[in-house]
Amino acid sequence: MPATKKFRDLSDRVRRDPARAARVDEAKTPALEEYATYPLAELRRVLGITQAELAELIGKSQSAVSQIEHGEIALSVDALRAIVTQLGGNLEITAVFDDRRVLIDT
């Protein structure tokens, strides 16, 4: 059985090699952007809910849900919380800084 390694040890090893650190940083940005922009429509489809069903759950029209999914109308934190809750999740908002991440209590 291979020995386990701590993530911090691996991260420190990568950071000591400038070329490896640059490759990690280059790959990290698009990966984080992709994660952060996971389409609401895709989440809804994966969960097997139609726009009309979601609209009924959150008290909006199907047209409004479509506009939200296409970025045509702004989405308030309260509306997003309602959508996420109705899809069975919990909304967490995190502020990301260069040196830390801060969970915002909403």
PDB file of N, CA and C in Angstrom:
ATOM      1  N   MET A   1       0.850  -1.178   0.000  1.00  0.00           N
ATOM      2  CA  MET A   1       0.000   0.000   0.000  1.00  0.00           C
ATOM      3  C   MET A   1       0.898   1.244   0.000  1.00  0.00           C
ATOM      4  N   PRO A   2       0.621   2.187  -0.917  1.00  0.00           N
ATOM      5  CA  PRO A   2       1.451   3.393  -0.960  1.00  0.00           C
ATOM      6  C   PRO A   2       1.238   4.255   0.277  1.00  0.00           C
ATOM      7  N   ALA A   3       2.293   4.941   0.646  1.00  0.00           N
ATOM      8  CA  ALA A   3       2.215   5.845   1.798  1.00  0.00           C
ATOM      9  C   ALA A   3       1.357   7.051   1.423  1.00  0.00           C
ATOM     10  N   THR A   4       0.589   7.527   2.364  1.00  0.00           N
ATOM     11  CA  THR A   4      -0.205   8.725   2.111  1.00  0.00           C
ATOM     12  C   THR A   4       0.649   9.961   2.334  1.00  0.00           C
ATOM     13  N   LYS A   5       0.298  11.014   1.621  1.00  0.00           N
ATOM     14  CA  LYS A   5       1.015  12.278   1.746  1.00  0.00           C
ATOM     15  C   LYS A   5       0.014  13.362   2.073  1.00  0.00           C
ATOM     16  N   LYS A   6       0.453  14.317   2.823  1.00  0.00           N
ATOM     17  CA  LYS A   6      -0.395  15.445   3.151  1.00  0.00           C
ATOM     18  C   LYS A   6      -0.412  16.411   1.975  1.00  0.00           C
ATOM     19  N   PHE A   7      -1.593  17.004   1.727  1.00  0.00           N
ATOM     20  CA  PHE A   7      -1.723  17.953   0.627  1.00  0.00           C
ATOM     21  C   PHE A   7      -0.736  19.108   0.785  1.00  0.00           C
ATOM     22  N   ARG A   8      -0.575  19.587   2.001  1.00  0.00           N
ATOM     23  CA  ARG A   8       0.346  20.712   2.248  1.00  0.00           C
ATOM     24  C   ARG A   8       1.762  20.362   1.790  1.00  0.00           C
ATOM     25  N   ASP A   9       2.202  19.127   2.043  1.00  0.00           N
ATOM     26  CA  ASP A   9       3.549  18.719   1.624  1.00  0.00           C
ATOM     27  C   ASP A   9       3.666  18.733   0.105  1.00  0.00           C
ATOM     28  N   LEU A  10       2.652  18.229  -0.577  1.00  0.00           N
ATOM     29  CA  LEU A  10       2.669  18.238  -2.043  1.00  0.00           C
ATOM     30  C   LEU A  10       2.627  19.662  -2.581  1.00  0.00           C
ATOM     31  N   SER A  11       1.785  20.483  -1.991  1.00  0.00           N
ATOM     32  CA  SER A  11       1.671  21.876  -2.414  1.00  0.00           C
ATOM     33  C   SER A  11       2.989  22.620  -2.209  1.00  0.00           C
ATOM     34  N   ASP A  12       3.625  22.403  -1.074  1.00  0.00           N
ATOM     35  CA  ASP A  12       4.911  23.053  -0.794  1.00  0.00           C
ATOM     36  C   ASP A  12       5.964  22.638  -1.817  1.00  0.00           C
ATOM     37  N   ARG A  13       5.961  21.362  -2.190  1.00  0.00           N
ATOM     38  CA  ARG A  13       6.916  20.862  -3.175  1.00  0.00           C
ATOM     39  C   ARG A  13       6.699  21.516  -4.538  1.00  0.00           C
ATOM     40  N   VAL A  14       5.439  21.671  -4.921  1.00  0.00           N
ATOM     41  CA  VAL A  14       5.121  22.325  -6.196  1.00  0.00           C
ATOM     42  C   VAL A  14       5.548  23.782  -6.146  1.00  0.00           C
ATOM     43  N   ARG A  15       5.276  24.473  -5.061  1.00  0.00           N
ATOM     44  CA  ARG A  15       5.589  25.898  -4.935  1.00  0.00           C
ATOM     45  C   ARG A  15       7.095  26.173  -4.950  1.00  0.00           C
ATOM     46  N   ARG A  16       7.894  25.201  -4.542  1.00  0.00           N
ATOM     47  CA  ARG A  16       9.349  25.393  -4.569  1.00  0.00           C
ATOM     48  C   ARG A  16       9.917  25.345  -5.984  1.00  0.00           C
ATOM     49  N   ASP A  17       9.162  24.788  -6.926  1.00  0.00           N
ATOM     50  CA  ASP A  17       9.603  24.697  -8.324  1.00  0.00           C
ATOM     51  C   ASP A  17       8.816  25.738  -9.124  1.00  0.00           C
ATOM     52  N   PRO A  18       9.449  26.863  -9.513  1.00  0.00           N
ATOM     53  CA  PRO A  18       8.721  27.941 -10.194  1.00  0.00           C
ATOM     54  C   PRO A  18       8.002  27.498 -11.467  1.00  0.00           C
ATOM     55  N   ALA A  19       8.584  26.592 -12.219  1.00  0.00           N
ATOM     56  CA  ALA A  19       7.941  26.133 -13.453  1.00  0.00           C
ATOM     57  C   ALA A  19       6.669  25.348 -13.135  1.00  0.00           C
ATOM     58  N   ARG A  20       6.740  24.479 -12.147  1.00  0.00           N
ATOM     59  CA  ARG A  20       5.546  23.704 -11.747  1.00  0.00           C
ATOM     60  C   ARG A  20       4.492  24.627 -11.151  1.00  0.00           C
ATOM     61  N   ALA A  21       4.913  25.568 -10.339  1.00  0.00           N
ATOM     62  CA  ALA A  21       3.969  26.511  -9.732  1.00  0.00           C
ATOM     63  C   ALA A  21       3.245  27.299 -10.812  1.00  0.00           C
ATOM     64  N   ALA A  22       3.963  27.717 -11.839  1.00  0.00           N
ATOM     65  CA  ALA A  22       3.346  28.471 -12.938  1.00  0.00           C
ATOM     66  C   ALA A  22       2.324  27.609 -13.676  1.00  0.00           C
ATOM     67  N   ARG A  23       2.646  26.325 -13.905  1.00  0.00           N
ATOM     68  CA  ARG A  23       1.690  25.421 -14.588  1.00  0.00           C
ATOM     69  C   ARG A  23       0.432  25.216 -13.743  1.00  0.00           C
ATOM     70  N   VAL A  24       0.628  25.057 -12.448  1.00  0.00           N
ATOM     71  CA  VAL A  24      -0.530  24.879 -11.557  1.00  0.00           C
ATOM     72  C   VAL A  24      -1.402  26.133 -11.575  1.00  0.00           C
ATOM     73  N   ASP A  25      -0.786  27.305 -11.457  1.00  0.00           N
ATOM     74  CA  ASP A  25      -1.544  28.559 -11.465  1.00  0.00           C
ATOM     75  C   ASP A  25      -2.283  28.748 -12.787  1.00  0.00           C
ATOM     76  N   GLU A  26      -1.620  28.383 -13.890  1.00  0.00           N
ATOM     77  CA  GLU A  26      -2.235  28.521 -15.213  1.00  0.00           C
ATOM     78  C   GLU A  26      -3.458  27.613 -15.338  1.00  0.00           C
ATOM     79  N   ALA A  27      -3.397  26.422 -14.807  1.00  0.00           N
ATOM     80  CA  ALA A  27      -4.514  25.481 -14.886  1.00  0.00           C
ATOM     81  C   ALA A  27      -5.600  25.804 -13.869  1.00  0.00           C
ATOM     82  N   LYS A  28      -5.222  26.385 -12.736  1.00  0.00           N
ATOM     83  CA  LYS A  28      -6.176  26.637 -11.656  1.00  0.00           C
ATOM     84  C   LYS A  28      -7.219  27.682 -12.041  1.00  0.00           C
ATOM     85  N   THR A  29      -6.816  28.749 -12.694  1.00  0.00           N
ATOM     86  CA  THR A  29      -7.742  29.835 -13.005  1.00  0.00           C
ATOM     87  C   THR A  29      -8.909  29.365 -13.867  1.00  0.00           C
ATOM     88  N   PRO A  30      -8.671  28.710 -15.018  1.00  0.00           N
ATOM     89  CA  PRO A  30      -9.824  28.262 -15.808  1.00  0.00           C
ATOM     90  C   PRO A  30     -10.673  27.228 -15.072  1.00  0.00           C
ATOM     91  N   ALA A  31     -10.031  26.373 -14.283  1.00  0.00           N
ATOM     92  CA  ALA A  31     -10.786  25.365 -13.541  1.00  0.00           C
ATOM     93  C   ALA A  31     -11.720  26.027 -12.540  1.00  0.00           C
ATOM     94  N   LEU A  32     -11.229  27.030 -11.817  1.00  0.00           N
ATOM     95  CA  LEU A  32     -12.068  27.724 -10.842  1.00  0.00           C
ATOM     96  C   LEU A  32     -13.176  28.509 -11.530  1.00  0.00           C
ATOM     97  N   GLU A  33     -12.877  29.108 -12.683  1.00  0.00           N
ATOM     98  CA  GLU A  33     -13.906  29.841 -13.420  1.00  0.00           C
ATOM     99  C   GLU A  33     -14.997  28.895 -13.906  1.00  0.00           C
ATOM    100  N   GLU A  34     -14.597  27.716 -14.377  1.00  0.00           N
ATOM    101  CA  GLU A  34     -15.579  26.729 -14.845  1.00  0.00           C
ATOM    102  C   GLU A  34     -16.464  26.293 -13.692  1.00  0.00           C
ATOM    103  N   TYR A  35     -15.872  26.040 -12.548  1.00  0.00           N
ATOM    104  CA  TYR A  35     -16.622  25.631 -11.367  1.00  0.00           C
ATOM    105  C   TYR A  35     -17.583  26.742 -10.943  1.00  0.00           C
ATOM    106  N   ALA A  36     -17.113  27.973 -10.962  1.00  0.00           N
ATOM    107  CA  ALA A  36     -17.911  29.094 -10.484  1.00  0.00           C
ATOM    108  C   ALA A  36     -19.058  29.431 -11.419  1.00  0.00           C
ATOM    109  N   THR A  37     -18.963  29.035 -12.688  1.00  0.00           N
ATOM    110  CA  THR A  37     -20.006  29.395 -13.639  1.00  0.00           C
ATOM    111  C   THR A  37     -20.817  28.187 -14.089  1.00  0.00           C
ATOM    112  N   TYR A  38     -20.932  27.207 -13.231  1.00  0.00           N
ATOM    113  CA  TYR A  38     -21.752  26.041 -13.553  1.00  0.00           C
ATOM    114  C   TYR A  38     -23.155  26.523 -13.874  1.00  0.00           C
ATOM    115  N   PRO A  39     -23.642  26.271 -15.072  1.00  0.00           N
ATOM    116  CA  PRO A  39     -24.925  26.841 -15.484  1.00  0.00           C
ATOM    117  C   PRO A  39     -26.102  26.350 -14.637  1.00  0.00           C
ATOM    118  N   LEU A  40     -26.908  27.295 -14.209  1.00  0.00           N
ATOM    119  CA  LEU A  40     -28.097  26.969 -13.430  1.00  0.00           C
ATOM    120  C   LEU A  40     -29.015  26.036 -14.222  1.00  0.00           C
ATOM    121  N   ALA A  41     -29.131  26.270 -15.526  1.00  0.00           N
ATOM    122  CA  ALA A  41     -29.985  25.427 -16.366  1.00  0.00           C
ATOM    123  C   ALA A  41     -29.522  23.977 -16.336  1.00  0.00           C
ATOM    124  N   GLU A  42     -28.211  23.769 -16.414  1.00  0.00           N
ATOM    125  CA  GLU A  42     -27.676  22.406 -16.400  1.00  0.00           C
ATOM    126  C   GLU A  42     -27.946  21.737 -15.059  1.00  0.00           C
ATOM    127  N   LEU A  43     -27.782  22.473 -13.970  1.00  0.00           N
ATOM    128  CA  LEU A  43     -28.086  21.934 -12.650  1.00  0.00           C
ATOM    129  C   LEU A  43     -29.545  21.513 -12.581  1.00  0.00           C
ATOM    130  N   ARG A  44     -30.419  22.369 -13.067  1.00  0.00           N
ATOM    131  CA  ARG A  44     -31.853  22.056 -13.067  1.00  0.00           C
ATOM    132  C   ARG A  44     -32.130  20.792 -13.877  1.00  0.00           C
ATOM    133  N   ARG A  45     -31.524  20.685 -15.064  1.00  0.00           N
ATOM    134  CA  ARG A  45     -31.749  19.510 -15.922  1.00  0.00           C
ATOM    135  C   ARG A  45     -31.214  18.233 -15.279  1.00  0.00           C
ATOM    136  N   VAL A  46     -30.028  18.321 -14.673  1.00  0.00           N
ATOM    137  CA  VAL A  46     -29.446  17.150 -14.013  1.00  0.00           C
ATOM    138  C   VAL A  46     -30.371  16.648 -12.906  1.00  0.00           C
ATOM    139  N   LEU A  47     -31.030  17.570 -12.242  1.00  0.00           N
ATOM    140  CA  LEU A  47     -31.945  17.197 -11.159  1.00  0.00           C
ATOM    141  C   LEU A  47     -33.322  16.783 -11.671  1.00  0.00           C
ATOM    142  N   GLY A  48     -33.518  16.857 -12.991  1.00  0.00           N
ATOM    143  CA  GLY A  48     -34.765  16.385 -13.595  1.00  0.00           C
ATOM    144  C   GLY A  48     -35.953  17.309 -13.383  1.00  0.00           C
ATOM    145  N   ILE A  49     -35.713  18.603 -13.323  1.00  0.00           N
ATOM    146  CA  ILE A  49     -36.781  19.575 -13.088  1.00  0.00           C
ATOM    147  C   ILE A  49     -36.906  20.468 -14.314  1.00  0.00           C
ATOM    148  N   THR A  50     -38.140  20.669 -14.780  1.00  0.00           N
ATOM    149  CA  THR A  50     -38.359  21.548 -15.923  1.00  0.00           C
ATOM    150  C   THR A  50     -38.376  23.004 -15.459  1.00  0.00           C
ATOM    151  N   GLN A  51     -38.254  23.909 -16.422  1.00  0.00           N
ATOM    152  CA  GLN A  51     -38.354  25.331 -16.094  1.00  0.00           C
ATOM    153  C   GLN A  51     -39.713  25.628 -15.469  1.00  0.00           C
ATOM    154  N   ALA A  52     -40.756  25.046 -16.010  1.00  0.00           N
ATOM    155  CA  ALA A  52     -42.107  25.296 -15.490  1.00  0.00           C
ATOM    156  C   ALA A  52     -42.238  24.811 -14.044  1.00  0.00           C
ATOM    157  N   GLU A  53     -41.668  23.636 -13.756  1.00  0.00           N
ATOM    158  CA  GLU A  53     -41.732  23.109 -12.388  1.00  0.00           C
ATOM    159  C   GLU A  53     -40.956  23.998 -11.419  1.00  0.00           C
ATOM    160  N   LEU A  54     -39.767  24.419 -11.826  1.00  0.00           N
ATOM    161  CA  LEU A  54     -38.982  25.300 -10.970  1.00  0.00           C
ATOM    162  C   LEU A  54     -39.697  26.629 -10.766  1.00  0.00           C
ATOM    163  N   ALA A  55     -40.271  27.160 -11.834  1.00  0.00           N
ATOM    164  CA  ALA A  55     -41.006  28.418 -11.739  1.00  0.00           C
ATOM    165  C   ALA A  55     -42.125  28.316 -10.709  1.00  0.00           C
ATOM    166  N   GLU A  56     -42.842  27.218 -10.737  1.00  0.00           N
ATOM    167  CA  GLU A  56     -43.934  27.032  -9.772  1.00  0.00           C
ATOM    168  C   GLU A  56     -43.390  26.947  -8.347  1.00  0.00           C
ATOM    169  N   LEU A  57     -42.273  26.253  -8.176  1.00  0.00           N
ATOM    170  CA  LEU A  57     -41.683  26.100  -6.847  1.00  0.00           C
ATOM    171  C   LEU A  57     -41.229  27.421  -6.245  1.00  0.00           C
ATOM    172  N   ILE A  58     -40.736  28.337  -7.085  1.00  0.00           N
ATOM    173  CA  ILE A  58     -40.193  29.593  -6.557  1.00  0.00           C
ATOM    174  C   ILE A  58     -41.122  30.786  -6.768  1.00  0.00           C
ATOM    175  N   GLY A  59     -42.310  30.535  -7.305  1.00  0.00           N
ATOM    176  CA  GLY A  59     -43.283  31.612  -7.459  1.00  0.00           C
ATOM    177  C   GLY A  59     -42.953  32.595  -8.574  1.00  0.00           C
ATOM    178  N   LYS A  60     -42.329  32.105  -9.637  1.00  0.00           N
ATOM    179  CA  LYS A  60     -42.009  32.944 -10.791  1.00  0.00           C
ATOM    180  C   LYS A  60     -42.648  32.310 -12.028  1.00  0.00           C
ATOM    181  N   SER A  61     -42.606  33.026 -13.129  1.00  0.00           N
ATOM    182  CA  SER A  61     -43.114  32.459 -14.385  1.00  0.00           C
ATOM    183  C   SER A  61     -42.023  31.614 -15.039  1.00  0.00           C
ATOM    184  N   GLN A  62     -42.439  30.720 -15.937  1.00  0.00           N
ATOM    185  CA  GLN A  62     -41.466  29.914 -16.690  1.00  0.00           C
ATOM    186  C   GLN A  62     -40.576  30.830 -17.516  1.00  0.00           C
ATOM    187  N   SER A  63     -41.158  31.897 -18.043  1.00  0.00           N
ATOM    188  CA  SER A  63     -40.403  32.867 -18.826  1.00  0.00           C
ATOM    189  C   SER A  63     -39.311  33.524 -17.971  1.00  0.00           C
ATOM    190  N   ALA A  64     -39.640  33.840 -16.726  1.00  0.00           N
ATOM    191  CA  ALA A  64     -38.654  34.453 -15.824  1.00  0.00           C
ATOM    192  C   ALA A  64     -37.505  33.484 -15.547  1.00  0.00           C
ATOM    193  N   VAL A  65     -37.819  32.197 -15.354  1.00  0.00           N
ATOM    194  CA  VAL A  65     -36.776  31.196 -15.122  1.00  0.00           C
ATOM    195  C   VAL A  65     -35.864  31.116 -16.349  1.00  0.00           C
ATOM    196  N   SER A  66     -36.456  31.121 -17.536  1.00  0.00           N
ATOM    197  CA  SER A  66     -35.671  31.096 -18.768  1.00  0.00           C
ATOM    198  C   SER A  66     -34.756  32.318 -18.859  1.00  0.00           C
ATOM    199  N   GLN A  67     -35.283  33.479 -18.532  1.00  0.00           N
ATOM    200  CA  GLN A  67     -34.489  34.709 -18.583  1.00  0.00           C
ATOM    201  C   GLN A  67     -33.357  34.680 -17.559  1.00  0.00           C
ATOM    202  N   ILE A  68     -33.611  34.136 -16.378  1.00  0.00           N
ATOM    203  CA  ILE A  68     -32.578  33.989 -15.358  1.00  0.00           C
ATOM    204  C   ILE A  68     -31.471  33.072 -15.882  1.00  0.00           C
ATOM    205  N   GLU A  69     -31.866  31.934 -16.453  1.00  0.00           N
ATOM    206  CA  GLU A  69     -30.892  30.965 -16.943  1.00  0.00           C
ATOM    207  C   GLU A  69     -30.042  31.512 -18.087  1.00  0.00           C
ATOM    208  N   HIS A  70     -30.611  32.407 -18.872  1.00  0.00           N
ATOM    209  CA  HIS A  70     -29.874  32.985 -19.998  1.00  0.00           C
ATOM    210  C   HIS A  70     -29.179  34.303 -19.643  1.00  0.00           C
ATOM    211  N   GLY A  71     -29.252  34.707 -18.375  1.00  0.00           N
ATOM    212  CA  GLY A  71     -28.580  35.916 -17.935  1.00  0.00           C
ATOM    213  C   GLY A  71     -29.238  37.193 -18.431  1.00  0.00           C
ATOM    214  N   GLU A  72     -30.498  37.101 -18.830  1.00  0.00           N
ATOM    215  CA  GLU A  72     -31.205  38.270 -19.357  1.00  0.00           C
ATOM    216  C   GLU A  72     -31.767  39.155 -18.254  1.00  0.00           C
ATOM    217  N   ILE A  73     -32.000  38.565 -17.083  1.00  0.00           N
ATOM    218  CA  ILE A  73     -32.426  39.367 -15.936  1.00  0.00           C
ATOM    219  C   ILE A  73     -31.533  39.026 -14.750  1.00  0.00           C
ATOM    220  N   ALA A  74     -31.311  40.005 -13.918  1.00  0.00           N
ATOM    221  CA  ALA A  74     -30.445  39.825 -12.757  1.00  0.00           C
ATOM    222  C   ALA A  74     -31.098  38.888 -11.751  1.00  0.00           C
ATOM    223  N   LEU A  75     -30.278  38.192 -11.037  1.00  0.00           N
ATOM    224  CA  LEU A  75     -30.741  37.234 -10.047  1.00  0.00           C
ATOM    225  C   LEU A  75     -30.328  37.730  -8.671  1.00  0.00           C
ATOM    226  N   SER A  76     -31.299  38.012  -7.822  1.00  0.00           N
ATOM    227  CA  SER A  76     -30.980  38.469  -6.470  1.00  0.00           C
ATOM    228  C   SER A  76     -30.531  37.280  -5.617  1.00  0.00           C
ATOM    229  N   VAL A  77     -29.864  37.569  -4.526  1.00  0.00           N
ATOM    230  CA  VAL A  77     -29.443  36.516  -3.609  1.00  0.00           C
ATOM    231  C   VAL A  77     -30.660  35.772  -3.071  1.00  0.00           C
ATOM    232  N   ASP A  78     -31.731  36.496  -2.774  1.00  0.00           N
ATOM    233  CA  ASP A  78     -32.943  35.842  -2.267  1.00  0.00           C
ATOM    234  C   ASP A  78     -33.536  34.890  -3.303  1.00  0.00           C
ATOM    235  N   ALA A  79     -33.564  35.312  -4.572  1.00  0.00           N
ATOM    236  CA  ALA A  79     -34.091  34.446  -5.625  1.00  0.00           C
ATOM    237  C   ALA A  79     -33.191  33.227  -5.809  1.00  0.00           C
ATOM    238  N   LEU A  80     -31.891  33.445  -5.787  1.00  0.00           N
ATOM    239  CA  LEU A  80     -30.962  32.325  -5.923  1.00  0.00           C
ATOM    240  C   LEU A  80     -31.107  31.357  -4.761  1.00  0.00           C
ATOM    241  N   ARG A  81     -31.255  31.888  -3.545  1.00  0.00           N
ATOM    242  CA  ARG A  81     -31.464  31.033  -2.370  1.00  0.00           C
ATOM    243  C   ARG A  81     -32.731  30.199  -2.541  1.00  0.00           C
ATOM    244  N   ALA A  82     -33.807  30.816  -3.037  1.00  0.00           N
ATOM    245  CA  ALA A  82     -35.066  30.090  -3.243  1.00  0.00           C
ATOM    246  C   ALA A  82     -34.879  28.968  -4.262  1.00  0.00           C
ATOM    247  N   ILE A  83     -34.175  29.258  -5.344  1.00  0.00           N
ATOM    248  CA  ILE A  83     -33.944  28.238  -6.373  1.00  0.00           C
ATOM    249  C   ILE A  83     -33.128  27.084  -5.812  1.00  0.00           C
ATOM    250  N   VAL A  84     -32.017  27.396  -5.170  1.00  0.00           N
ATOM    251  CA  VAL A  84     -31.140  26.359  -4.631  1.00  0.00           C
ATOM    252  C   VAL A  84     -31.873  25.530  -3.580  1.00  0.00           C
ATOM    253  N   THR A  85     -32.634  26.183  -2.727  1.00  0.00           N
ATOM    254  CA  THR A  85     -33.391  25.470  -1.696  1.00  0.00           C
ATOM    255  C   THR A  85     -34.401  24.524  -2.333  1.00  0.00           C
ATOM    256  N   GLN A  86     -35.121  24.997  -3.346  1.00  0.00           N
ATOM    257  CA  GLN A  86     -36.115  24.157  -4.006  1.00  0.00           C
ATOM    258  C   GLN A  86     -35.475  23.004  -4.785  1.00  0.00           C
ATOM    259  N   LEU A  87     -34.218  23.168  -5.170  1.00  0.00           N
ATOM    260  CA  LEU A  87     -33.499  22.083  -5.844  1.00  0.00           C
ATOM    261  C   LEU A  87     -32.868  21.121  -4.837  1.00  0.00           C
ATOM    262  N   GLY A  88     -33.058  21.405  -3.546  1.00  0.00           N
ATOM    263  CA  GLY A  88     -32.579  20.504  -2.502  1.00  0.00           C
ATOM    264  C   GLY A  88     -31.228  20.849  -1.918  1.00  0.00           C
ATOM    265  N   GLY A  89     -30.736  22.040  -2.209  1.00  0.00           N
ATOM    266  CA  GLY A  89     -29.418  22.425  -1.708  1.00  0.00           C
ATOM    267  C   GLY A  89     -29.472  23.559  -0.720  1.00  0.00           C
ATOM    268  N   ASN A  90     -28.313  23.988  -0.301  1.00  0.00           N
ATOM    269  CA  ASN A  90     -28.152  25.147   0.583  1.00  0.00           C
ATOM    270  C   ASN A  90     -27.223  26.127  -0.109  1.00  0.00           C
ATOM    271  N   LEU A  91     -27.544  27.390  -0.034  1.00  0.00           N
ATOM    272  CA  LEU A  91     -26.721  28.414  -0.664  1.00  0.00           C
ATOM    273  C   LEU A  91     -25.641  28.878   0.296  1.00  0.00           C
ATOM    274  N   GLU A  92     -24.397  28.855  -0.178  1.00  0.00           N
ATOM    275  CA  GLU A  92     -23.275  29.405   0.565  1.00  0.00           C
ATOM    276  C   GLU A  92     -22.604  30.434  -0.330  1.00  0.00           C
ATOM    277  N   ILE A  93     -22.303  31.590   0.231  1.00  0.00           N
ATOM    278  CA  ILE A  93     -21.627  32.634  -0.529  1.00  0.00           C
ATOM    279  C   ILE A  93     -20.264  32.860   0.103  1.00  0.00           C
ATOM    280  N   THR A  94     -19.242  32.795  -0.734  1.00  0.00           N
ATOM    281  CA  THR A  94     -17.878  32.936  -0.259  1.00  0.00           C
ATOM    282  C   THR A  94     -17.204  34.096  -0.976  1.00  0.00           C
ATOM    283  N   ALA A  95     -16.589  34.980  -0.209  1.00  0.00           N
ATOM    284  CA  ALA A  95     -15.770  36.051  -0.776  1.00  0.00           C
ATOM    285  C   ALA A  95     -14.349  35.499  -0.893  1.00  0.00           C
ATOM    286  N   VAL A  96     -13.749  35.640  -2.069  1.00  0.00           N
ATOM    287  CA  VAL A  96     -12.428  35.075  -2.325  1.00  0.00           C
ATOM    288  C   VAL A  96     -11.419  36.210  -2.479  1.00  0.00           C
ATOM    289  N   PHE A  97     -10.391  36.168  -1.646  1.00  0.00           N
ATOM    290  CA  PHE A  97      -9.307  37.126  -1.678  1.00  0.00           C
ATOM    291  C   PHE A  97      -8.022  36.388  -2.024  1.00  0.00           C
ATOM    292  N   ASP A  98      -6.970  37.119  -2.321  1.00  0.00           N
ATOM    293  CA  ASP A  98      -5.703  36.469  -2.657  1.00  0.00           C
ATOM    294  C   ASP A  98      -5.207  35.556  -1.547  1.00  0.00           C
ATOM    295  N   ASP A  99      -5.414  35.971  -0.306  1.00  0.00           N
ATOM    296  CA  ASP A  99      -4.843  35.225   0.808  1.00  0.00           C
ATOM    297  C   ASP A  99      -5.851  34.445   1.648  1.00  0.00           C
ATOM    298  N   ARG A 100      -7.144  34.542   1.310  1.00  0.00           N
ATOM    299  CA  ARG A 100      -8.129  33.815   2.127  1.00  0.00           C
ATOM    300  C   ARG A 100      -9.488  33.762   1.457  1.00  0.00           C
ATOM    301  N   ARG A 101     -10.322  32.879   1.975  1.00  0.00           N
ATOM    302  CA  ARG A 101     -11.714  32.754   1.559  1.00  0.00           C
ATOM    303  C   ARG A 101     -12.567  33.014   2.794  1.00  0.00           C
ATOM    304  N   VAL A 102     -13.622  33.801   2.640  1.00  0.00           N
ATOM    305  CA  VAL A 102     -14.475  34.159   3.768  1.00  0.00           C
ATOM    306  C   VAL A 102     -15.908  33.776   3.425  1.00  0.00           C
ATOM    307  N   LEU A 103     -16.497  32.896   4.245  1.00  0.00           N
ATOM    308  CA  LEU A 103     -17.888  32.508   4.066  1.00  0.00           C
ATOM    309  C   LEU A 103     -18.764  33.641   4.567  1.00  0.00           C
ATOM    310  N   ILE A 104     -19.642  34.132   3.713  1.00  0.00           N
ATOM    311  CA  ILE A 104     -20.545  35.223   4.071  1.00  0.00           C
ATOM    312  C   ILE A 104     -21.810  34.626   4.636  1.00  0.00           C
ATOM    313  N   ASP A 105     -22.165  35.018   5.833  1.00  0.00           N
ATOM    314  CA  ASP A 105     -23.386  34.535   6.468  1.00  0.00           C
ATOM    315  C   ASP A 105     -24.555  35.316   5.889  1.00  0.00           C
ATOM    316  N   THR A 106     -25.440  34.615   5.156  1.00  0.00           N
ATOM    317  CA  THR A 106     -26.570  35.299   4.512  1.00  0.00           C
ATOM    318  C   THR A 106     -27.865  35.031   5.205  1.00  0.00           C
TER     319      THR A 106
END
